[in-house]
Full PDB file with SEQRES, HELIX, SHEET, SSBOND, CRYST1, ORIGX, SCALE, CONECT and MASTER records, all heavy atoms in Angstrom:
SEQRES   1 A   41  LYS PRO SER ARG ARG LYS VAL ASP VAL LYS VAL GLU TYR          
SEQRES   2 A   41  ILE GLY PHE THR ILE ALA ASP LYS PHE VAL VAL GLY TYR          
SEQRES   3 A   41  GLY LEU ASP TYR GLY GLU LYS TYR ARG ASN LEU PRO TYR          
SEQRES   4 A   41  ILE ALA                                                      
HELIX    1 AA1 PRO A    2  ARG A    4  5                                   3    
CRYST1    1.000    1.000    1.000  90.00  90.00  90.00 P 1           1          
ORIGX1      1.000000  0.000000  0.000000        0.00000                         
ORIGX2      0.000000  1.000000  0.000000        0.00000                         
ORIGX3      0.000000  0.000000  1.000000        0.00000                         
SCALE1      1.000000  0.000000  0.000000        0.00000                         
SCALE2      0.000000  1.000000  0.000000        0.00000                         
SCALE3      0.000000  0.000000  1.000000        0.00000                         
ATOM      1  N   LYS A   1       1.248   5.774  -2.712  1.00  0.00           N  
ATOM      2  CA  LYS A   1       1.821   5.555  -4.042  1.00  0.00           C  
ATOM      3  C   LYS A   1       1.522   6.775  -4.914  1.00  0.00           C  
ATOM      4  O   LYS A   1       0.602   6.768  -5.725  1.00  0.00           O  
ATOM      5  CB  LYS A   1       1.184   4.338  -4.713  1.00  0.00           C  
ATOM      6  CG  LYS A   1       1.578   3.009  -4.196  1.00  0.00           C  
ATOM      7  CD  LYS A   1       0.955   1.940  -5.097  1.00  0.00           C  
ATOM      8  CE  LYS A   1       1.055   0.575  -4.514  1.00  0.00           C  
ATOM      9  NZ  LYS A   1       0.408  -0.417  -5.400  1.00  0.00           N  
ATOM     10  N   PRO A   2       2.279   7.844  -4.775  1.00  0.00           N  
ATOM     11  CA  PRO A   2       1.971   9.065  -5.521  1.00  0.00           C  
ATOM     12  C   PRO A   2       2.038   8.901  -7.040  1.00  0.00           C  
ATOM     13  O   PRO A   2       1.345   9.614  -7.771  1.00  0.00           O  
ATOM     14  CB  PRO A   2       3.011  10.071  -5.026  1.00  0.00           C  
ATOM     15  CG  PRO A   2       4.050   9.285  -4.342  1.00  0.00           C  
ATOM     16  CD  PRO A   2       3.432   7.992  -3.909  1.00  0.00           C  
ATOM     17  N   SER A   3       2.827   7.963  -7.543  1.00  0.00           N  
ATOM     18  CA  SER A   3       2.934   7.778  -8.994  1.00  0.00           C  
ATOM     19  C   SER A   3       1.636   7.258  -9.609  1.00  0.00           C  
ATOM     20  O   SER A   3       1.454   7.335 -10.824  1.00  0.00           O  
ATOM     21  CB  SER A   3       4.084   6.823  -9.327  1.00  0.00           C  
ATOM     22  OG  SER A   3       3.813   5.528  -8.818  1.00  0.00           O  
ATOM     23  N   ARG A   4       0.719   6.742  -8.809  1.00  0.00           N  
ATOM     24  CA  ARG A   4      -0.549   6.194  -9.311  1.00  0.00           C  
ATOM     25  C   ARG A   4      -1.721   7.160  -9.170  1.00  0.00           C  
ATOM     26  O   ARG A   4      -2.830   6.856  -9.584  1.00  0.00           O  
ATOM     27  CB  ARG A   4      -0.893   4.912  -8.548  1.00  0.00           C  
ATOM     28  CG  ARG A   4       0.121   3.819  -8.679  1.00  0.00           C  
ATOM     29  CD  ARG A   4      -0.270   2.743  -9.630  1.00  0.00           C  
ATOM     30  NE  ARG A   4      -1.600   2.257  -9.304  1.00  0.00           N  
ATOM     31  CZ  ARG A   4      -2.454   1.817 -10.219  1.00  0.00           C  
ATOM     32  NH1 ARG A   4      -2.130   1.807 -11.480  1.00  0.00           N  
ATOM     33  NH2 ARG A   4      -3.639   1.385  -9.868  1.00  0.00           N  
ATOM     34  N   ARG A   5      -1.521   8.330  -8.615  1.00  0.00           N  
ATOM     35  CA  ARG A   5      -2.622   9.266  -8.364  1.00  0.00           C  
ATOM     36  C   ARG A   5      -3.330   9.669  -9.652  1.00  0.00           C  
ATOM     37  O   ARG A   5      -2.691  10.004 -10.634  1.00  0.00           O  
ATOM     38  CB  ARG A   5      -2.122  10.545  -7.694  1.00  0.00           C  
ATOM     39  CG  ARG A   5      -1.614  10.400  -6.317  1.00  0.00           C  
ATOM     40  CD  ARG A   5      -2.696  10.123  -5.288  1.00  0.00           C  
ATOM     41  NE  ARG A   5      -2.172  10.316  -3.970  1.00  0.00           N  
ATOM     42  CZ  ARG A   5      -1.382   9.454  -3.361  1.00  0.00           C  
ATOM     43  NH1 ARG A   5      -1.049   8.331  -3.937  1.00  0.00           N  
ATOM     44  NH2 ARG A   5      -0.927   9.712  -2.146  1.00  0.00           N  
ATOM     45  N   LYS A   6      -4.648   9.637  -9.580  1.00  0.00           N  
ATOM     46  CA  LYS A   6      -5.488  10.137 -10.665  1.00  0.00           C  
ATOM     47  C   LYS A   6      -6.109  11.475 -10.290  1.00  0.00           C  
ATOM     48  O   LYS A   6      -6.595  12.182 -11.153  1.00  0.00           O  
ATOM     49  CB  LYS A   6      -6.584   9.128 -11.002  1.00  0.00           C  
ATOM     50  CG  LYS A   6      -6.039   7.856 -11.613  1.00  0.00           C  
ATOM     51  CD  LYS A   6      -7.143   6.964 -12.092  1.00  0.00           C  
ATOM     52  CE  LYS A   6      -6.539   5.749 -12.767  1.00  0.00           C  
ATOM     53  NZ  LYS A   6      -7.552   4.875 -13.323  1.00  0.00           N  
ATOM     54  N   VAL A   7      -6.130  11.777  -8.996  1.00  0.00           N  
ATOM     55  CA  VAL A   7      -6.656  13.051  -8.495  1.00  0.00           C  
ATOM     56  C   VAL A   7      -5.682  13.600  -7.468  1.00  0.00           C  
ATOM     57  O   VAL A   7      -4.925  12.854  -6.844  1.00  0.00           O  
ATOM     58  CB  VAL A   7      -8.060  12.885  -7.867  1.00  0.00           C  
ATOM     59  CG1 VAL A   7      -9.086  12.503  -8.906  1.00  0.00           C  
ATOM     60  CG2 VAL A   7      -8.045  11.871  -6.737  1.00  0.00           C  
ATOM     61  N   ASP A   8      -5.725  14.901  -7.294  1.00  0.00           N  
ATOM     62  CA  ASP A   8      -4.881  15.543  -6.291  1.00  0.00           C  
ATOM     63  C   ASP A   8      -5.614  15.482  -4.957  1.00  0.00           C  
ATOM     64  O   ASP A   8      -6.602  16.183  -4.753  1.00  0.00           O  
ATOM     65  CB  ASP A   8      -4.615  16.987  -6.704  1.00  0.00           C  
ATOM     66  CG  ASP A   8      -3.641  17.671  -5.773  1.00  0.00           C  
ATOM     67  OD1 ASP A   8      -2.825  16.969  -5.136  1.00  0.00           O  
ATOM     68  OD2 ASP A   8      -3.699  18.912  -5.685  1.00  0.00           O  
ATOM     69  N   VAL A   9      -5.171  14.611  -4.087  1.00  0.00           N  
ATOM     70  CA  VAL A   9      -5.820  14.407  -2.799  1.00  0.00           C  
ATOM     71  C   VAL A   9      -4.828  14.740  -1.689  1.00  0.00           C  
ATOM     72  O   VAL A   9      -3.643  14.420  -1.782  1.00  0.00           O  
ATOM     73  CB  VAL A   9      -6.357  12.958  -2.670  1.00  0.00           C  
ATOM     74  CG1 VAL A   9      -5.259  11.938  -2.724  1.00  0.00           C  
ATOM     75  CG2 VAL A   9      -7.191  12.792  -1.431  1.00  0.00           C  
ATOM     76  N   LYS A  10      -5.311  15.410  -0.657  1.00  0.00           N  
ATOM     77  CA  LYS A  10      -4.440  15.832   0.443  1.00  0.00           C  
ATOM     78  C   LYS A  10      -4.342  14.735   1.498  1.00  0.00           C  
ATOM     79  O   LYS A  10      -5.353  14.252   1.998  1.00  0.00           O  
ATOM     80  CB  LYS A  10      -4.985  17.116   1.068  1.00  0.00           C  
ATOM     81  CG  LYS A  10      -4.052  17.727   2.073  1.00  0.00           C  
ATOM     82  CD  LYS A  10      -4.526  19.100   2.491  1.00  0.00           C  
ATOM     83  CE  LYS A  10      -3.521  19.724   3.430  1.00  0.00           C  
ATOM     84  NZ  LYS A  10      -3.925  21.049   3.847  1.00  0.00           N  
ATOM     85  N   VAL A  11      -3.116  14.361   1.814  1.00  0.00           N  
ATOM     86  CA  VAL A  11      -2.834  13.401   2.883  1.00  0.00           C  
ATOM     87  C   VAL A  11      -1.799  14.059   3.788  1.00  0.00           C  
ATOM     88  O   VAL A  11      -0.659  14.277   3.383  1.00  0.00           O  
ATOM     89  CB  VAL A  11      -2.310  12.060   2.323  1.00  0.00           C  
ATOM     90  CG1 VAL A  11      -2.035  11.080   3.450  1.00  0.00           C  
ATOM     91  CG2 VAL A  11      -3.276  11.471   1.315  1.00  0.00           C  
ATOM     92  N   GLU A  12      -2.212  14.400   4.995  1.00  0.00           N  
ATOM     93  CA  GLU A  12      -1.336  15.126   5.904  1.00  0.00           C  
ATOM     94  C   GLU A  12      -0.247  14.257   6.533  1.00  0.00           C  
ATOM     95  O   GLU A  12       0.846  14.736   6.811  1.00  0.00           O  
ATOM     96  CB  GLU A  12      -2.153  15.789   7.026  1.00  0.00           C  
ATOM     97  CG  GLU A  12      -2.952  16.982   6.579  1.00  0.00           C  
ATOM     98  CD  GLU A  12      -4.274  16.627   5.913  1.00  0.00           C  
ATOM     99  OE1 GLU A  12      -4.634  15.427   5.850  1.00  0.00           O  
ATOM    100  OE2 GLU A  12      -4.952  17.546   5.452  1.00  0.00           O  
ATOM    101  N   TYR A  13      -0.581  13.004   6.800  1.00  0.00           N  
ATOM    102  CA  TYR A  13       0.351  12.128   7.500  1.00  0.00           C  
ATOM    103  C   TYR A  13       0.576  10.855   6.687  1.00  0.00           C  
ATOM    104  O   TYR A  13      -0.366  10.104   6.446  1.00  0.00           O  
ATOM    105  CB  TYR A  13      -0.191  11.754   8.884  1.00  0.00           C  
ATOM    106  CG  TYR A  13      -0.609  12.965   9.691  1.00  0.00           C  
ATOM    107  CD1 TYR A  13      -1.956  13.262   9.859  1.00  0.00           C  
ATOM    108  CD2 TYR A  13       0.340  13.804  10.263  1.00  0.00           C  
ATOM    109  CE1 TYR A  13      -2.350  14.374  10.591  1.00  0.00           C  
ATOM    110  CE2 TYR A  13      -0.045  14.922  10.987  1.00  0.00           C  
ATOM    111  CZ  TYR A  13      -1.395  15.197  11.151  1.00  0.00           C  
ATOM    112  OH  TYR A  13      -1.781  16.301  11.861  1.00  0.00           O  
ATOM    113  N   ILE A  14       1.825  10.614   6.271  1.00  0.00           N  
ATOM    114  CA  ILE A  14       2.164   9.456   5.439  1.00  0.00           C  
ATOM    115  C   ILE A  14       3.251   8.664   6.153  1.00  0.00           C  
ATOM    116  O   ILE A  14       4.302   9.221   6.501  1.00  0.00           O  
ATOM    117  CB  ILE A  14       2.657   9.895   4.044  1.00  0.00           C  
ATOM    118  CG1 ILE A  14       1.544  10.645   3.306  1.00  0.00           C  
ATOM    119  CG2 ILE A  14       3.143   8.690   3.243  1.00  0.00           C  
ATOM    120  CD1 ILE A  14       1.983  11.296   2.010  1.00  0.00           C  
ATOM    121  N   GLY A  15       2.977   7.368   6.361  1.00  0.00           N  
ATOM    122  CA  GLY A  15       3.985   6.505   6.983  1.00  0.00           C  
ATOM    123  C   GLY A  15       5.157   6.277   6.054  1.00  0.00           C  
ATOM    124  O   GLY A  15       6.300   6.580   6.378  1.00  0.00           O  
ATOM    125  N   PHE A  16       4.860   5.757   4.841  1.00  0.00           N  
ATOM    126  CA  PHE A  16       5.899   5.448   3.869  1.00  0.00           C  
ATOM    127  C   PHE A  16       5.396   5.763   2.470  1.00  0.00           C  
ATOM    128  O   PHE A  16       4.260   5.444   2.127  1.00  0.00           O  
ATOM    129  CB  PHE A  16       6.282   3.959   3.921  1.00  0.00           C  
ATOM    130  CG  PHE A  16       6.783   3.515   5.260  1.00  0.00           C  
ATOM    131  CD1 PHE A  16       5.916   2.953   6.175  1.00  0.00           C  
ATOM    132  CD2 PHE A  16       8.115   3.671   5.611  1.00  0.00           C  
ATOM    133  CE1 PHE A  16       6.359   2.547   7.429  1.00  0.00           C  
ATOM    134  CE2 PHE A  16       8.567   3.280   6.857  1.00  0.00           C  
ATOM    135  CZ  PHE A  16       7.692   2.709   7.767  1.00  0.00           C  
ATOM    136  N   THR A  17       6.250   6.336   1.654  1.00  0.00           N  
ATOM    137  CA  THR A  17       5.961   6.527   0.233  1.00  0.00           C  
ATOM    138  C   THR A  17       6.632   5.377  -0.499  1.00  0.00           C  
ATOM    139  O   THR A  17       7.822   5.112  -0.291  1.00  0.00           O  
ATOM    140  CB  THR A  17       6.517   7.882  -0.255  1.00  0.00           C  
ATOM    141  OG1 THR A  17       5.879   8.925   0.494  1.00  0.00           O  
ATOM    142  CG2 THR A  17       6.243   8.083  -1.729  1.00  0.00           C  
ATOM    143  N   ILE A  18       5.839   4.678  -1.340  1.00  0.00           N  
ATOM    144  CA  ILE A  18       6.369   3.495  -2.020  1.00  0.00           C  
ATOM    145  C   ILE A  18       6.222   3.637  -3.531  1.00  0.00           C  
ATOM    146  O   ILE A  18       5.424   4.435  -4.025  1.00  0.00           O  
ATOM    147  CB  ILE A  18       5.677   2.198  -1.534  1.00  0.00           C  
ATOM    148  CG1 ILE A  18       4.177   2.212  -1.847  1.00  0.00           C  
ATOM    149  CG2 ILE A  18       5.934   1.983  -0.048  1.00  0.00           C  
ATOM    150  CD1 ILE A  18       3.467   0.902  -1.553  1.00  0.00           C  
ATOM    151  N   ALA A  19       6.992   2.816  -4.253  1.00  0.00           N  
ATOM    152  CA  ALA A  19       6.925   2.774  -5.716  1.00  0.00           C  
ATOM    153  C   ALA A  19       5.651   2.053  -6.148  1.00  0.00           C  
ATOM    154  O   ALA A  19       4.933   1.471  -5.326  1.00  0.00           O  
ATOM    155  CB  ALA A  19       8.157   2.056  -6.260  1.00  0.00           C  
ATOM    156  N   ASP A  20       5.394   2.064  -7.433  1.00  0.00           N  
ATOM    157  CA  ASP A  20       4.211   1.410  -7.991  1.00  0.00           C  
ATOM    158  C   ASP A  20       4.420  -0.105  -8.036  1.00  0.00           C  
ATOM    159  O   ASP A  20       4.695  -0.684  -9.085  1.00  0.00           O  
ATOM    160  CB  ASP A  20       3.915   1.965  -9.379  1.00  0.00           C  
ATOM    161  CG  ASP A  20       2.627   1.412  -9.960  1.00  0.00           C  
ATOM    162  OD1 ASP A  20       1.836   0.833  -9.204  1.00  0.00           O  
ATOM    163  OD2 ASP A  20       2.421   1.567 -11.176  1.00  0.00           O  
ATOM    164  N   LYS A  21       4.340  -0.709  -6.879  1.00  0.00           N  
ATOM    165  CA  LYS A  21       4.469  -2.169  -6.722  1.00  0.00           C  
ATOM    166  C   LYS A  21       3.243  -2.687  -6.000  1.00  0.00           C  
ATOM    167  O   LYS A  21       2.613  -1.960  -5.236  1.00  0.00           O  
ATOM    168  CB  LYS A  21       5.713  -2.522  -5.892  1.00  0.00           C  
ATOM    169  CG  LYS A  21       6.998  -1.933  -6.387  1.00  0.00           C  
ATOM    170  CD  LYS A  21       7.540  -2.697  -7.539  1.00  0.00           C  
ATOM    171  CE  LYS A  21       8.891  -2.101  -7.945  1.00  0.00           C  
ATOM    172  NZ  LYS A  21       9.463  -2.764  -9.058  1.00  0.00           N  
ATOM    173  N   PHE A  22       2.903  -3.960  -6.210  1.00  0.00           N  
ATOM    174  CA  PHE A  22       1.773  -4.561  -5.504  1.00  0.00           C  
ATOM    175  C   PHE A  22       2.288  -5.105  -4.180  1.00  0.00           C  
ATOM    176  O   PHE A  22       3.185  -5.937  -4.150  1.00  0.00           O  
ATOM    177  CB  PHE A  22       1.140  -5.685  -6.336  1.00  0.00           C  
ATOM    178  CG  PHE A  22      -0.222  -6.043  -5.839  1.00  0.00           C  
ATOM    179  CD1 PHE A  22      -1.341  -5.429  -6.369  1.00  0.00           C  
ATOM    180  CD2 PHE A  22      -0.396  -6.964  -4.814  1.00  0.00           C  
ATOM    181  CE1 PHE A  22      -2.606  -5.731  -5.899  1.00  0.00           C  
ATOM    182  CE2 PHE A  22      -1.652  -7.270  -4.330  1.00  0.00           C  
ATOM    183  CZ  PHE A  22      -2.761  -6.650  -4.882  1.00  0.00           C  
ATOM    184  N   VAL A  23       1.719  -4.607  -3.085  1.00  0.00           N  
ATOM    185  CA  VAL A  23       2.194  -4.991  -1.756  1.00  0.00           C  
ATOM    186  C   VAL A  23       1.127  -5.764  -0.983  1.00  0.00           C  
ATOM    187  O   VAL A  23      -0.071  -5.585  -1.197  1.00  0.00           O  
ATOM    188  CB  VAL A  23       2.647  -3.763  -0.944  1.00  0.00           C  
ATOM    189  CG1 VAL A  23       3.878  -3.135  -1.557  1.00  0.00           C  
ATOM    190  CG2 VAL A  23       1.546  -2.732  -0.817  1.00  0.00           C  
ATOM    191  N   VAL A  24       1.616  -6.634  -0.094  1.00  0.00           N  
ATOM    192  CA  VAL A  24       0.743  -7.442   0.757  1.00  0.00           C  
ATOM    193  C   VAL A  24       1.278  -7.400   2.188  1.00  0.00           C  
ATOM    194  O   VAL A  24       2.408  -6.995   2.426  1.00  0.00           O  
ATOM    195  CB  VAL A  24       0.666  -8.914   0.284  1.00  0.00           C  
ATOM    196  CG1 VAL A  24       0.002  -9.022  -1.072  1.00  0.00           C  
ATOM    197  CG2 VAL A  24       2.051  -9.552   0.254  1.00  0.00           C  
ATOM    198  N   GLY A  25       0.450  -7.858   3.114  1.00  0.00           N  
ATOM    199  CA  GLY A  25       0.831  -7.914   4.512  1.00  0.00           C  
ATOM    200  C   GLY A  25       0.128  -6.838   5.307  1.00  0.00           C  
ATOM    201  O   GLY A  25      -0.404  -5.882   4.749  1.00  0.00           O  
ATOM    202  N   TYR A  26       0.079  -6.996   6.622  1.00  0.00           N  
ATOM    203  CA  TYR A  26      -0.596  -6.051   7.515  1.00  0.00           C  
ATOM    204  C   TYR A  26      -2.017  -5.743   7.047  1.00  0.00           C  
ATOM    205  O   TYR A  26      -2.450  -4.600   7.052  1.00  0.00           O  
ATOM    206  CB  TYR A  26       0.188  -4.752   7.656  1.00  0.00           C  
ATOM    207  CG  TYR A  26       1.296  -4.817   8.667  1.00  0.00           C  
ATOM    208  CD1 TYR A  26       2.588  -4.495   8.304  1.00  0.00           C  
ATOM    209  CD2 TYR A  26       1.052  -5.192   9.979  1.00  0.00           C  
ATOM    210  CE1 TYR A  26       3.620  -4.543   9.234  1.00  0.00           C  
ATOM    211  CE2 TYR A  26       2.077  -5.247  10.904  1.00  0.00           C  
ATOM    212  CZ  TYR A  26       3.358  -4.919  10.526  1.00  0.00           C  
ATOM    213  OH  TYR A  26       4.368  -4.976  11.445  1.00  0.00           O  
ATOM    214  N   GLY A  27      -2.739  -6.747   6.597  1.00  0.00           N  
ATOM    215  CA  GLY A  27      -4.125  -6.560   6.172  1.00  0.00           C  
ATOM    216  C   GLY A  27      -4.299  -6.391   4.675  1.00  0.00           C  
ATOM    217  O   GLY A  27      -5.399  -6.509   4.162  1.00  0.00           O  
ATOM    218  N   LEU A  28      -3.240  -6.108   3.950  1.00  0.00           N  
ATOM    219  CA  LEU A  28      -3.313  -5.991   2.486  1.00  0.00           C  
ATOM    220  C   LEU A  28      -3.167  -7.387   1.903  1.00  0.00           C  
ATOM    221  O   LEU A  28      -2.258  -8.128   2.268  1.00  0.00           O  
ATOM    222  CB  LEU A  28      -2.191  -5.085   1.965  1.00  0.00           C  
ATOM    223  CG  LEU A  28      -2.182  -3.663   2.518  1.00  0.00           C  
ATOM    224  CD1 LEU A  28      -0.862  -2.980   2.194  1.00  0.00           C  
ATOM    225  CD2 LEU A  28      -3.347  -2.874   1.972  1.00  0.00           C  
ATOM    226  N   ASP A  29      -4.066  -7.735   0.979  1.00  0.00           N  
ATOM    227  CA  ASP A  29      -4.044  -9.107   0.483  1.00  0.00           C  
ATOM    228  C   ASP A  29      -3.927  -9.183  -1.032  1.00  0.00           C  
ATOM    229  O   ASP A  29      -4.080  -8.194  -1.738  1.00  0.00           O  
ATOM    230  CB  ASP A  29      -5.302  -9.849   0.931  1.00  0.00           C  
ATOM    231  CG  ASP A  29      -6.542  -9.375   0.197  1.00  0.00           C  
ATOM    232  OD1 ASP A  29      -7.053  -8.290   0.534  1.00  0.00           O  
ATOM    233  OD2 ASP A  29      -7.006 -10.087  -0.707  1.00  0.00           O  
ATOM    234  N   TYR A  30      -3.667 -10.381  -1.505  1.00  0.00           N  
ATOM    235  CA  TYR A  30      -3.668 -10.718  -2.923  1.00  0.00           C  
ATOM    236  C   TYR A  30      -4.480 -12.002  -3.042  1.00  0.00           C  
ATOM    237  O   TYR A  30      -4.047 -13.048  -2.555  1.00  0.00           O  
ATOM    238  CB  TYR A  30      -2.249 -10.938  -3.446  1.00  0.00           C  
ATOM    239  CG  TYR A  30      -2.200 -11.391  -4.881  1.00  0.00           C  
ATOM    240  CD1 TYR A  30      -2.471 -10.499  -5.911  1.00  0.00           C  
ATOM    241  CD2 TYR A  30      -1.909 -12.709  -5.199  1.00  0.00           C  
ATOM    242  CE1 TYR A  30      -2.439 -10.911  -7.223  1.00  0.00           C  
ATOM    243  CE2 TYR A  30      -1.870 -13.129  -6.511  1.00  0.00           C  
ATOM    244  CZ  TYR A  30      -2.138 -12.228  -7.518  1.00  0.00           C  
ATOM    245  OH  TYR A  30      -2.116 -12.635  -8.836  1.00  0.00           O  
ATOM    246  N   GLY A  31      -5.669 -11.903  -3.623  1.00  0.00           N  
ATOM    247  CA  GLY A  31      -6.533 -13.082  -3.748  1.00  0.00           C  
ATOM    248  C   GLY A  31      -6.877 -13.702  -2.417  1.00  0.00           C  
ATOM    249  O   GLY A  31      -6.882 -14.930  -2.294  1.00  0.00           O  
ATOM    250  N   GLU A  32      -7.150 -12.867  -1.418  1.00  0.00           N  
ATOM    251  CA  GLU A  32      -7.494 -13.315  -0.068  1.00  0.00           C  
ATOM    252  C   GLU A  32      -6.337 -14.021   0.645  1.00  0.00           C  
ATOM    253  O   GLU A  32      -6.524 -14.698   1.640  1.00  0.00           O  
ATOM    254  CB  GLU A  32      -8.726 -14.233  -0.084  1.00  0.00           C  
ATOM    255  CG  GLU A  32      -9.972 -13.596  -0.660  1.00  0.00           C  
ATOM    256  CD  GLU A  32     -10.474 -12.421   0.174  1.00  0.00           C  
ATOM    257  OE1 GLU A  32     -10.432 -12.489   1.415  1.00  0.00           O  
ATOM    258  OE2 GLU A  32     -10.889 -11.422  -0.431  1.00  0.00           O  
ATOM    259  N   LYS A  33      -5.116 -13.867   0.149  1.00  0.00           N  
ATOM    260  CA  LYS A  33      -3.946 -14.478   0.789  1.00  0.00           C  
ATOM    261  C   LYS A  33      -2.970 -13.397   1.210  1.00  0.00           C  
ATOM    262  O   LYS A  33      -2.991 -12.290   0.679  1.00  0.00           O  
ATOM    263  CB  LYS A  33      -3.248 -15.442  -0.173  1.00  0.00           C  
ATOM    264  CG  LYS A  33      -4.099 -16.632  -0.545  1.00  0.00           C  
ATOM    265  CD  LYS A  33      -3.367 -17.521  -1.495  1.00  0.00           C  
ATOM    266  CE  LYS A  33      -4.281 -18.674  -1.895  1.00  0.00           C  
ATOM    267  NZ  LYS A  33      -3.720 -19.458  -2.963  1.00  0.00           N  
ATOM    268  N   TYR A  34      -2.091 -13.742   2.118  1.00  0.00           N  
ATOM    269  CA  TYR A  34      -0.976 -12.917   2.591  1.00  0.00           C  
ATOM    270  C   TYR A  34      -1.374 -11.757   3.499  1.00  0.00           C  
ATOM    271  O   TYR A  34      -0.523 -11.027   3.965  1.00  0.00           O  
ATOM    272  CB  TYR A  34      -0.149 -12.361   1.418  1.00  0.00           C  
ATOM    273  CG  TYR A  34       0.233 -13.405   0.412  1.00  0.00           C  
ATOM    274  CD1 TYR A  34      -0.281 -13.372  -0.877  1.00  0.00           C  
ATOM    275  CD2 TYR A  34       1.092 -14.441   0.756  1.00  0.00           C  
ATOM    276  CE1 TYR A  34       0.067 -14.335  -1.807  1.00  0.00           C  
ATOM    277  CE2 TYR A  34       1.446 -15.416  -0.169  1.00  0.00           C  
ATOM    278  CZ  TYR A  34       0.924 -15.355  -1.446  1.00  0.00           C  
ATOM    279  OH  TYR A  34       1.262 -16.313  -2.368  1.00  0.00           O  
ATOM    280  N   ARG A  35      -2.645 -11.582   3.769  1.00  0.00           N  
ATOM    281  CA  ARG A  35      -3.113 -10.468   4.596  1.00  0.00           C  
ATOM    282  C   ARG A  35      -2.580 -10.556   6.030  1.00  0.00           C  
ATOM    283  O   ARG A  35      -2.422  -9.549   6.684  1.00  0.00           O  
ATOM    284  CB  ARG A  35      -4.641 -10.464   4.533  1.00  0.00           C  
ATOM    285  CG  ARG A  35      -5.396 -10.191   5.718  1.00  0.00           C  
ATOM    286  CD  ARG A  35      -6.904 -10.290   5.595  1.00  0.00           C  
ATOM    287  NE  ARG A  35      -7.466 -10.557   4.316  1.00  0.00           N  
ATOM    288  CZ  ARG A  35      -8.162  -9.677   3.582  1.00  0.00           C  
ATOM    289  NH1 ARG A  35      -8.373  -8.477   4.036  1.00  0.00           N  
ATOM    290  NH2 ARG A  35      -8.651 -10.006   2.416  1.00  0.00           N  
ATOM    291  N   ASN A  36      -2.277 -11.771   6.488  1.00  0.00           N  
ATOM    292  CA  ASN A  36      -1.850 -11.950   7.879  1.00  0.00           C  
ATOM    293  C   ASN A  36      -0.327 -11.865   8.068  1.00  0.00           C  
ATOM    294  O   ASN A  36       0.161 -12.106   9.170  1.00  0.00           O  
ATOM    295  CB  ASN A  36      -2.350 -13.284   8.410  1.00  0.00           C  
ATOM    296  CG  ASN A  36      -1.794 -14.458   7.619  1.00  0.00           C  
ATOM    297  OD1 ASN A  36      -1.415 -14.304   6.468  1.00  0.00           O  
ATOM    298  ND2 ASN A  36      -1.758 -15.627   8.215  1.00  0.00           N  
ATOM    299  N   LEU A  37       0.418 -11.512   7.039  1.00  0.00           N  
ATOM    300  CA  LEU A  37       1.866 -11.379   7.195  1.00  0.00           C  
ATOM    301  C   LEU A  37       2.174 -10.267   8.203  1.00  0.00           C  
ATOM    302  O   LEU A  37       1.539  -9.213   8.176  1.00  0.00           O  
ATOM    303  CB  LEU A  37       2.528 -11.030   5.860  1.00  0.00           C  
ATOM    304  CG  LEU A  37       2.496 -12.098   4.775  1.00  0.00           C  
ATOM    305  CD1 LEU A  37       3.084 -11.543   3.479  1.00  0.00           C  
ATOM    306  CD2 LEU A  37       3.257 -13.331   5.221  1.00  0.00           C  
ATOM    307  N   PRO A  38       3.153 -10.473   9.062  1.00  0.00           N  
ATOM    308  CA  PRO A  38       3.497  -9.446  10.055  1.00  0.00           C  
ATOM    309  C   PRO A  38       4.473  -8.395   9.477  1.00  0.00           C  
ATOM    310  O   PRO A  38       5.140  -7.688  10.223  1.00  0.00           O  
ATOM    311  CB  PRO A  38       4.159 -10.250  11.174  1.00  0.00           C  
ATOM    312  CG  PRO A  38       4.773 -11.399  10.470  1.00  0.00           C  
ATOM    313  CD  PRO A  38       3.838 -11.737   9.327  1.00  0.00           C  
ATOM    314  N   TYR A  39       4.551  -8.327   8.165  1.00  0.00           N  
ATOM    315  CA  TYR A  39       5.411  -7.343   7.482  1.00  0.00           C  
ATOM    316  C   TYR A  39       4.781  -7.032   6.124  1.00  0.00           C  
ATOM    317  O   TYR A  39       3.832  -7.694   5.707  1.00  0.00           O  
ATOM    318  CB  TYR A  39       6.836  -7.897   7.285  1.00  0.00           C  
ATOM    319  CG  TYR A  39       6.858  -9.264   6.626  1.00  0.00           C  
ATOM    320  CD1 TYR A  39       6.821  -9.408   5.236  1.00  0.00           C  
ATOM    321  CD2 TYR A  39       6.872 -10.422   7.396  1.00  0.00           C  
ATOM    322  CE1 TYR A  39       6.806 -10.654   4.627  1.00  0.00           C  
ATOM    323  CE2 TYR A  39       6.875 -11.672   6.810  1.00  0.00           C  
ATOM    324  CZ  TYR A  39       6.842 -11.787   5.425  1.00  0.00           C  
ATOM    325  OH  TYR A  39       6.828 -13.018   4.836  1.00  0.00           O  
ATOM    326  N   ILE A  40       5.297  -6.037   5.448  1.00  0.00           N  
ATOM    327  CA  ILE A  40       4.803  -5.685   4.115  1.00  0.00           C  
ATOM    328  C   ILE A  40       5.804  -6.226   3.100  1.00  0.00           C  
ATOM    329  O   ILE A  40       7.011  -6.032   3.240  1.00  0.00           O  
ATOM    330  CB  ILE A  40       4.646  -4.157   3.972  1.00  0.00           C  
ATOM    331  CG1 ILE A  40       3.555  -3.679   4.931  1.00  0.00           C  
ATOM    332  CG2 ILE A  40       4.318  -3.780   2.532  1.00  0.00           C  
ATOM    333  CD1 ILE A  40       3.402  -2.198   5.002  1.00  0.00           C  
ATOM    334  N   ALA A  41       5.265  -6.924   2.071  1.00  0.00           N  
ATOM    335  CA  ALA A  41       6.107  -7.530   1.052  1.00  0.00           C  
ATOM    336  C   ALA A  41       5.590  -7.127  -0.333  1.00  0.00           C  
ATOM    337  O   ALA A  41       4.430  -6.804  -0.502  1.00  0.00           O  
ATOM    338  CB  ALA A  41       6.094  -9.048   1.195  1.00  0.00           C  
TER     339      ALA A  41                                                      
MASTER        0    0    0    1    0    0    0    6  338    1    0    4          
END                                                                             
């Protein structure tokens, strides 16, 4: 999420660049929920 950067940090390999949205799935959670989704939402 480059729009949220507070520091200039180098990332050589990026899967996807996304907008400033809250995402869940594939281990990312919201309140300990949705982490087990087999997709990113």
